[in-house]
Amino acid sequence: MKKHINYYFLTLSVILIVFGILFLATIFSISPYKSFWSSFERMEGFWGFWHYFLYFIMLAGMFKNKVDWHRFFFVSLAVSLLISFYGLLQFLGKLDVHQGDRLDATMGNATYLAIYLVFHIFLFLFFFFETKNIWLRLIFILSSLLELLIVYYTATRGAIIGLAAGLVVFSLINMMWGRGWAKSGGV
């Protein structure tokens, strides 16, 4: 008997758990004021994450079907490709690099660029495995390879380690619950 996974409940549960931990970390931190507001450079305090949560709720309310989400993510992937091409031009010496040898593209910070592209590499891989169109699959895999190259030249160890760990988790999940190639154990 096949188990049905309630993705809405799973997603909401994970978000609420993360927010609970974030709230407790804010209250019990060395500087609760700083943990709540953060700084204008980082915007990573509880207040900033609260707005990300509200943005998520807004998107979930606006996008009702798979086509809406695909359009949203395809626009995001197109923008990430533009940013990657900018980084490629920096790598080739056609544009100035603002952080020494580390590519930063339009982000102004190599670390931000790296994690932004890591997220989009996984989106490209998701759509690679979801589509049957061979030309789209080729575009998705080549785009993810370009972004992988740019992530490497940002020289951000944390993003590279996170990407590697994410690929391991991605592979394990696909071997357990995936279709076709993943069921056979191939990665």
C-alpha atoms as a PDB file:
ATOM      1  CA  MET A   1       0.000   0.000   0.000  1.00  0.00           C
ATOM      2  CA  LYS A   2       1.424   3.356  -1.070  1.00  0.00           C
ATOM      3  CA  LYS A   3       1.606   6.069   1.572  1.00  0.00           C
ATOM      4  CA  HIS A   4       0.201   9.488   0.711  1.00  0.00           C
ATOM      5  CA  ILE A   5       2.357  12.377   1.903  1.00  0.00           C
ATOM      6  CA  ASN A   6       0.479  15.531   2.865  1.00  0.00           C
ATOM      7  CA  TYR A   7       2.979  18.093   1.555  1.00  0.00           C
ATOM      8  CA  TYR A   8       0.971  21.078   2.802  1.00  0.00           C
ATOM      9  CA  PHE A   9       1.038  19.776   6.373  1.00  0.00           C
ATOM     10  CA  LEU A  10       4.711  18.776   6.087  1.00  0.00           C
ATOM     11  CA  THR A  11       5.734  22.196   4.729  1.00  0.00           C
ATOM     12  CA  LEU A  12       3.717  24.098   7.299  1.00  0.00           C
ATOM     13  CA  SER A  13       5.086  21.931  10.124  1.00  0.00           C
ATOM     14  CA  VAL A  14       8.692  22.497   9.064  1.00  0.00           C
ATOM     15  CA  ILE A  15       8.153  26.255   8.751  1.00  0.00           C
ATOM     16  CA  LEU A  16       6.508  26.460  12.168  1.00  0.00           C
ATOM     17  CA  ILE A  17       9.300  24.413  13.774  1.00  0.00           C
ATOM     18  CA  VAL A  18      11.948  26.651  12.203  1.00  0.00           C
ATOM     19  CA  PHE A  19      10.090  29.768  13.368  1.00  0.00           C
ATOM     20  CA  GLY A  20       9.747  28.347  16.870  1.00  0.00           C
ATOM     21  CA  ILE A  21      13.494  27.689  17.042  1.00  0.00           C
ATOM     22  CA  LEU A  22      14.237  31.123  15.580  1.00  0.00           C
ATOM     23  CA  PHE A  23      11.936  32.780  18.117  1.00  0.00           C
ATOM     24  CA  LEU A  24      13.576  30.943  21.035  1.00  0.00           C
ATOM     25  CA  ALA A  25      17.029  31.798  19.697  1.00  0.00           C
ATOM     26  CA  THR A  26      15.983  35.450  19.502  1.00  0.00           C
ATOM     27  CA  ILE A  27      14.636  35.560  23.050  1.00  0.00           C
ATOM     28  CA  PHE A  28      17.572  33.735  24.645  1.00  0.00           C
ATOM     29  CA  SER A  29      20.357  35.311  22.602  1.00  0.00           C
ATOM     30  CA  ILE A  30      23.113  37.469  24.060  1.00  0.00           C
ATOM     31  CA  SER A  31      21.524  40.508  22.394  1.00  0.00           C
ATOM     32  CA  PRO A  32      17.775  39.975  21.857  1.00  0.00           C
ATOM     33  CA  TYR A  33      17.445  43.461  20.374  1.00  0.00           C
ATOM     34  CA  LYS A  34      20.075  42.737  17.710  1.00  0.00           C
ATOM     35  CA  SER A  35      18.647  39.249  17.121  1.00  0.00           C
ATOM     36  CA  PHE A  36      15.198  40.707  16.543  1.00  0.00           C
ATOM     37  CA  TRP A  37      16.160  43.624  14.268  1.00  0.00           C
ATOM     38  CA  SER A  38      19.566  42.503  12.898  1.00  0.00           C
ATOM     39  CA  SER A  39      21.426  45.157  10.872  1.00  0.00           C
ATOM     40  CA  PHE A  40      20.593  46.937   7.655  1.00  0.00           C
ATOM     41  CA  GLU A  41      23.430  45.109   5.851  1.00  0.00           C
ATOM     42  CA  ARG A  42      22.254  41.590   6.664  1.00  0.00           C
ATOM     43  CA  MET A  43      18.497  41.794   7.348  1.00  0.00           C
ATOM     44  CA  GLU A  44      18.634  38.369   9.006  1.00  0.00           C
ATOM     45  CA  GLY A  45      16.893  39.125  12.296  1.00  0.00           C
ATOM     46  CA  PHE A  46      13.573  37.690  13.386  1.00  0.00           C
ATOM     47  CA  TRP A  47      11.852  40.744  11.873  1.00  0.00           C
ATOM     48  CA  GLY A  48      13.361  40.021   8.441  1.00  0.00           C
ATOM     49  CA  PHE A  49      12.453  36.343   8.590  1.00  0.00           C
ATOM     50  CA  TRP A  50       8.924  37.283   9.628  1.00  0.00           C
ATOM     51  CA  HIS A  51       8.636  39.189   6.357  1.00  0.00           C
ATOM     52  CA  TYR A  52       9.970  36.216   4.394  1.00  0.00           C
ATOM     53  CA  PHE A  53       7.271  34.127   6.054  1.00  0.00           C
ATOM     54  CA  LEU A  54       4.603  36.674   5.068  1.00  0.00           C
ATOM     55  CA  TYR A  55       5.958  36.653   1.511  1.00  0.00           C
ATOM     56  CA  PHE A  56       5.671  32.861   1.492  1.00  0.00           C
ATOM     57  CA  ILE A  57       2.058  33.077   2.692  1.00  0.00           C
ATOM     58  CA  MET A  58       1.324  35.652  -0.019  1.00  0.00           C
ATOM     59  CA  LEU A  59       2.824  33.436  -2.727  1.00  0.00           C
ATOM     60  CA  ALA A  60       0.961  30.382  -1.446  1.00  0.00           C
ATOM     61  CA  GLY A  61      -2.274  32.390  -1.610  1.00  0.00           C
ATOM     62  CA  MET A  62      -1.646  33.743  -5.105  1.00  0.00           C
ATOM     63  CA  PHE A  63      -0.258  30.679  -6.834  1.00  0.00           C
ATOM     64  CA  LYS A  64      -2.962  28.045  -6.809  1.00  0.00           C
ATOM     65  CA  ASN A  65      -1.703  25.534  -9.352  1.00  0.00           C
ATOM     66  CA  LYS A  66       1.469  24.002 -10.739  1.00  0.00           C
ATOM     67  CA  VAL A  67       1.526  26.242 -13.821  1.00  0.00           C
ATOM     68  CA  ASP A  68       1.649  29.391 -11.674  1.00  0.00           C
ATOM     69  CA  TRP A  69       4.557  28.033  -9.644  1.00  0.00           C
ATOM     70  CA  HIS A  70       6.412  26.934 -12.776  1.00  0.00           C
ATOM     71  CA  ARG A  71       6.105  30.426 -14.281  1.00  0.00           C
ATOM     72  CA  PHE A  72       7.376  31.964 -11.060  1.00  0.00           C
ATOM     73  CA  PHE A  73      10.347  29.598 -10.865  1.00  0.00           C
ATOM     74  CA  PHE A  74      11.178  29.911 -14.592  1.00  0.00           C
ATOM     75  CA  VAL A  75      11.416  33.688 -14.226  1.00  0.00           C
ATOM     76  CA  SER A  76      13.661  33.168 -11.193  1.00  0.00           C
ATOM     77  CA  LEU A  77      15.826  30.721 -13.170  1.00  0.00           C
ATOM     78  CA  ALA A  78      16.093  33.165 -16.078  1.00  0.00           C
ATOM     79  CA  VAL A  79      17.270  35.914 -13.726  1.00  0.00           C
ATOM     80  CA  SER A  80      19.811  33.562 -12.139  1.00  0.00           C
ATOM     81  CA  LEU A  81      21.167  32.782 -15.618  1.00  0.00           C
ATOM     82  CA  LEU A  82      21.572  36.491 -16.352  1.00  0.00           C
ATOM     83  CA  ILE A  83      23.451  36.908 -13.081  1.00  0.00           C
ATOM     84  CA  SER A  84      25.575  33.850 -13.916  1.00  0.00           C
ATOM     85  CA  PHE A  85      26.495  35.310 -17.299  1.00  0.00           C
ATOM     86  CA  TYR A  86      27.529  38.498 -15.515  1.00  0.00           C
ATOM     87  CA  GLY A  87      29.711  36.356 -13.239  1.00  0.00           C
ATOM     88  CA  LEU A  88      31.108  34.566 -16.283  1.00  0.00           C
ATOM     89  CA  LEU A  89      32.067  37.935 -17.789  1.00  0.00           C
ATOM     90  CA  GLN A  90      33.818  38.760 -14.511  1.00  0.00           C
ATOM     91  CA  PHE A  91      35.643  35.422 -14.674  1.00  0.00           C
ATOM     92  CA  LEU A  92      36.749  36.150 -18.251  1.00  0.00           C
ATOM     93  CA  GLY A  93      38.031  39.575 -17.200  1.00  0.00           C
ATOM     94  CA  LYS A  94      35.475  41.574 -19.210  1.00  0.00           C
ATOM     95  CA  LEU A  95      33.883  43.101 -16.074  1.00  0.00           C
ATOM     96  CA  ASP A  96      35.389  44.214 -12.782  1.00  0.00           C
ATOM     97  CA  VAL A  97      35.345  41.898  -9.773  1.00  0.00           C
ATOM     98  CA  HIS A  98      34.576  43.760  -6.561  1.00  0.00           C
ATOM     99  CA  GLN A  99      35.968  41.257  -4.025  1.00  0.00           C
ATOM    100  CA  GLY A 100      39.501  40.428  -5.072  1.00  0.00           C
ATOM    101  CA  ASP A 101      39.468  37.102  -6.934  1.00  0.00           C
ATOM    102  CA  ARG A 102      35.998  36.061  -5.774  1.00  0.00           C
ATOM    103  CA  LEU A 103      33.190  36.508  -8.292  1.00  0.00           C
ATOM    104  CA  ASP A 104      30.298  38.564  -6.941  1.00  0.00           C
ATOM    105  CA  ALA A 105      28.317  39.438 -10.117  1.00  0.00           C
ATOM    106  CA  THR A 106      25.495  41.861  -9.357  1.00  0.00           C
ATOM    107  CA  MET A 107      25.203  40.820  -5.705  1.00  0.00           C
ATOM    108  CA  GLY A 108      28.241  42.740  -4.465  1.00  0.00           C
ATOM    109  CA  ASN A 109      29.093  39.840  -2.151  1.00  0.00           C
ATOM    110  CA  ALA A 110      30.528  36.492  -3.240  1.00  0.00           C
ATOM    111  CA  THR A 111      28.830  34.606  -0.402  1.00  0.00           C
ATOM    112  CA  TYR A 112      25.387  35.942  -1.319  1.00  0.00           C
ATOM    113  CA  LEU A 113      25.963  35.089  -4.976  1.00  0.00           C
ATOM    114  CA  ALA A 114      27.052  31.547  -4.104  1.00  0.00           C
ATOM    115  CA  ILE A 115      24.041  30.681  -1.960  1.00  0.00           C
ATOM    116  CA  TYR A 116      21.685  32.331  -4.460  1.00  0.00           C
ATOM    117  CA  LEU A 117      23.097  30.135  -7.222  1.00  0.00           C
ATOM    118  CA  VAL A 118      23.104  26.977  -5.080  1.00  0.00           C
ATOM    119  CA  PHE A 119      19.356  27.386  -4.629  1.00  0.00           C
ATOM    120  CA  HIS A 120      18.921  27.769  -8.389  1.00  0.00           C
ATOM    121  CA  ILE A 121      21.160  24.800  -9.188  1.00  0.00           C
ATOM    122  CA  PHE A 122      18.714  22.645  -7.256  1.00  0.00           C
ATOM    123  CA  LEU A 123      15.790  24.265  -9.086  1.00  0.00           C
ATOM    124  CA  PHE A 124      17.443  23.457 -12.417  1.00  0.00           C
ATOM    125  CA  LEU A 125      17.973  19.859 -11.279  1.00  0.00           C
ATOM    126  CA  PHE A 126      14.357  19.610 -10.135  1.00  0.00           C
ATOM    127  CA  PHE A 127      13.091  20.723 -13.545  1.00  0.00           C
ATOM    128  CA  PHE A 128      15.667  18.520 -15.286  1.00  0.00           C
ATOM    129  CA  PHE A 129      14.182  15.445 -13.636  1.00  0.00           C
ATOM    130  CA  GLU A 130      10.601  16.624 -14.009  1.00  0.00           C
ATOM    131  CA  THR A 131      10.560  17.291 -17.754  1.00  0.00           C
ATOM    132  CA  LYS A 132      10.652  14.758 -20.572  1.00  0.00           C
ATOM    133  CA  ASN A 133      11.637  17.245 -23.314  1.00  0.00           C
ATOM    134  CA  ILE A 134      15.233  16.443 -24.262  1.00  0.00           C
ATOM    135  CA  TRP A 135      16.051  20.038 -25.304  1.00  0.00           C
ATOM    136  CA  LEU A 136      14.749  21.470 -22.045  1.00  0.00           C
ATOM    137  CA  ARG A 137      16.687  18.844 -20.131  1.00  0.00           C
ATOM    138  CA  LEU A 138      19.851  19.868 -22.004  1.00  0.00           C
ATOM    139  CA  ILE A 139      19.225  23.547 -21.212  1.00  0.00           C
ATOM    140  CA  PHE A 140      18.611  22.737 -17.533  1.00  0.00           C
ATOM    141  CA  ILE A 141      21.740  20.625 -17.114  1.00  0.00           C
ATOM    142  CA  LEU A 142      23.986  23.092 -18.991  1.00  0.00           C
ATOM    143  CA  SER A 143      22.574  25.970 -16.939  1.00  0.00           C
ATOM    144  CA  SER A 144      23.205  24.126 -13.696  1.00  0.00           C
ATOM    145  CA  LEU A 145      26.785  23.372 -14.808  1.00  0.00           C
ATOM    146  CA  LEU A 146      27.364  27.061 -15.609  1.00  0.00           C
ATOM    147  CA  GLU A 147      26.032  28.045 -12.202  1.00  0.00           C
ATOM    148  CA  LEU A 148      28.150  25.334 -10.567  1.00  0.00           C
ATOM    149  CA  LEU A 149      31.240  26.868 -12.209  1.00  0.00           C
ATOM    150  CA  ILE A 150      30.304  30.323 -10.925  1.00  0.00           C
ATOM    151  CA  VAL A 151      29.696  28.955  -7.408  1.00  0.00           C
ATOM    152  CA  TYR A 152      33.160  27.384  -7.497  1.00  0.00           C
ATOM    153  CA  TYR A 153      34.782  30.704  -8.452  1.00  0.00           C
ATOM    154  CA  THR A 154      32.989  32.588  -5.694  1.00  0.00           C
ATOM    155  CA  ALA A 155      35.355  30.597  -3.442  1.00  0.00           C
ATOM    156  CA  THR A 156      32.663  30.293  -0.781  1.00  0.00           C
ATOM    157  CA  ARG A 157      33.466  27.099   1.122  1.00  0.00           C
ATOM    158  CA  GLY A 158      30.185  27.042   3.039  1.00  0.00           C
ATOM    159  CA  ALA A 159      28.105  27.178  -0.139  1.00  0.00           C
ATOM    160  CA  ILE A 160      30.214  24.502  -1.824  1.00  0.00           C
ATOM    161  CA  ILE A 161      29.954  22.188   1.198  1.00  0.00           C
ATOM    162  CA  GLY A 162      26.228  22.932   1.425  1.00  0.00           C
ATOM    163  CA  LEU A 163      25.831  22.114  -2.267  1.00  0.00           C
ATOM    164  CA  ALA A 164      27.658  18.809  -1.811  1.00  0.00           C
ATOM    165  CA  ALA A 165      25.579  17.910   1.248  1.00  0.00           C
ATOM    166  CA  GLY A 166      22.409  18.916  -0.579  1.00  0.00           C
ATOM    167  CA  LEU A 167      23.306  16.698  -3.536  1.00  0.00           C
ATOM    168  CA  VAL A 168      23.812  13.760  -1.167  1.00  0.00           C
ATOM    169  CA  VAL A 169      20.420  14.375   0.478  1.00  0.00           C
ATOM    170  CA  PHE A 170      18.815  14.911  -2.948  1.00  0.00           C
ATOM    171  CA  SER A 171      20.233  11.581  -4.141  1.00  0.00           C
ATOM    172  CA  LEU A 172      19.125   9.716  -1.014  1.00  0.00           C
ATOM    173  CA  ILE A 173      15.595  11.106  -1.249  1.00  0.00           C
ATOM    174  CA  ASN A 174      15.404  10.174  -4.922  1.00  0.00           C
ATOM    175  CA  MET A 175      16.640   6.655  -4.218  1.00  0.00           C
ATOM    176  CA  MET A 176      13.982   6.196  -1.551  1.00  0.00           C
ATOM    177  CA  TRP A 177      10.976   7.955  -3.117  1.00  0.00           C
ATOM    178  CA  GLY A 178      12.046   8.802  -6.668  1.00  0.00           C
ATOM    179  CA  ARG A 179      11.070   7.453 -10.043  1.00  0.00           C
ATOM    180  CA  GLY A 180      12.949   5.520 -12.684  1.00  0.00           C
ATOM    181  CA  TRP A 181      16.699   6.157 -12.548  1.00  0.00           C
ATOM    182  CA  ALA A 182      16.639   6.805  -8.811  1.00  0.00           C
ATOM    183  CA  LYS A 183      14.882   3.549  -7.956  1.00  0.00           C
ATOM    184  CA  SER A 184      17.685   1.628  -9.608  1.00  0.00           C
ATOM    185  CA  GLY A 185      20.251   3.345  -7.397  1.00  0.00           C
ATOM    186  CA  GLY A 186      21.893   5.387 -10.152  1.00  0.00           C
ATOM    187  CA  VAL A 187      22.762   8.988  -9.407  1.00  0.00           C
END
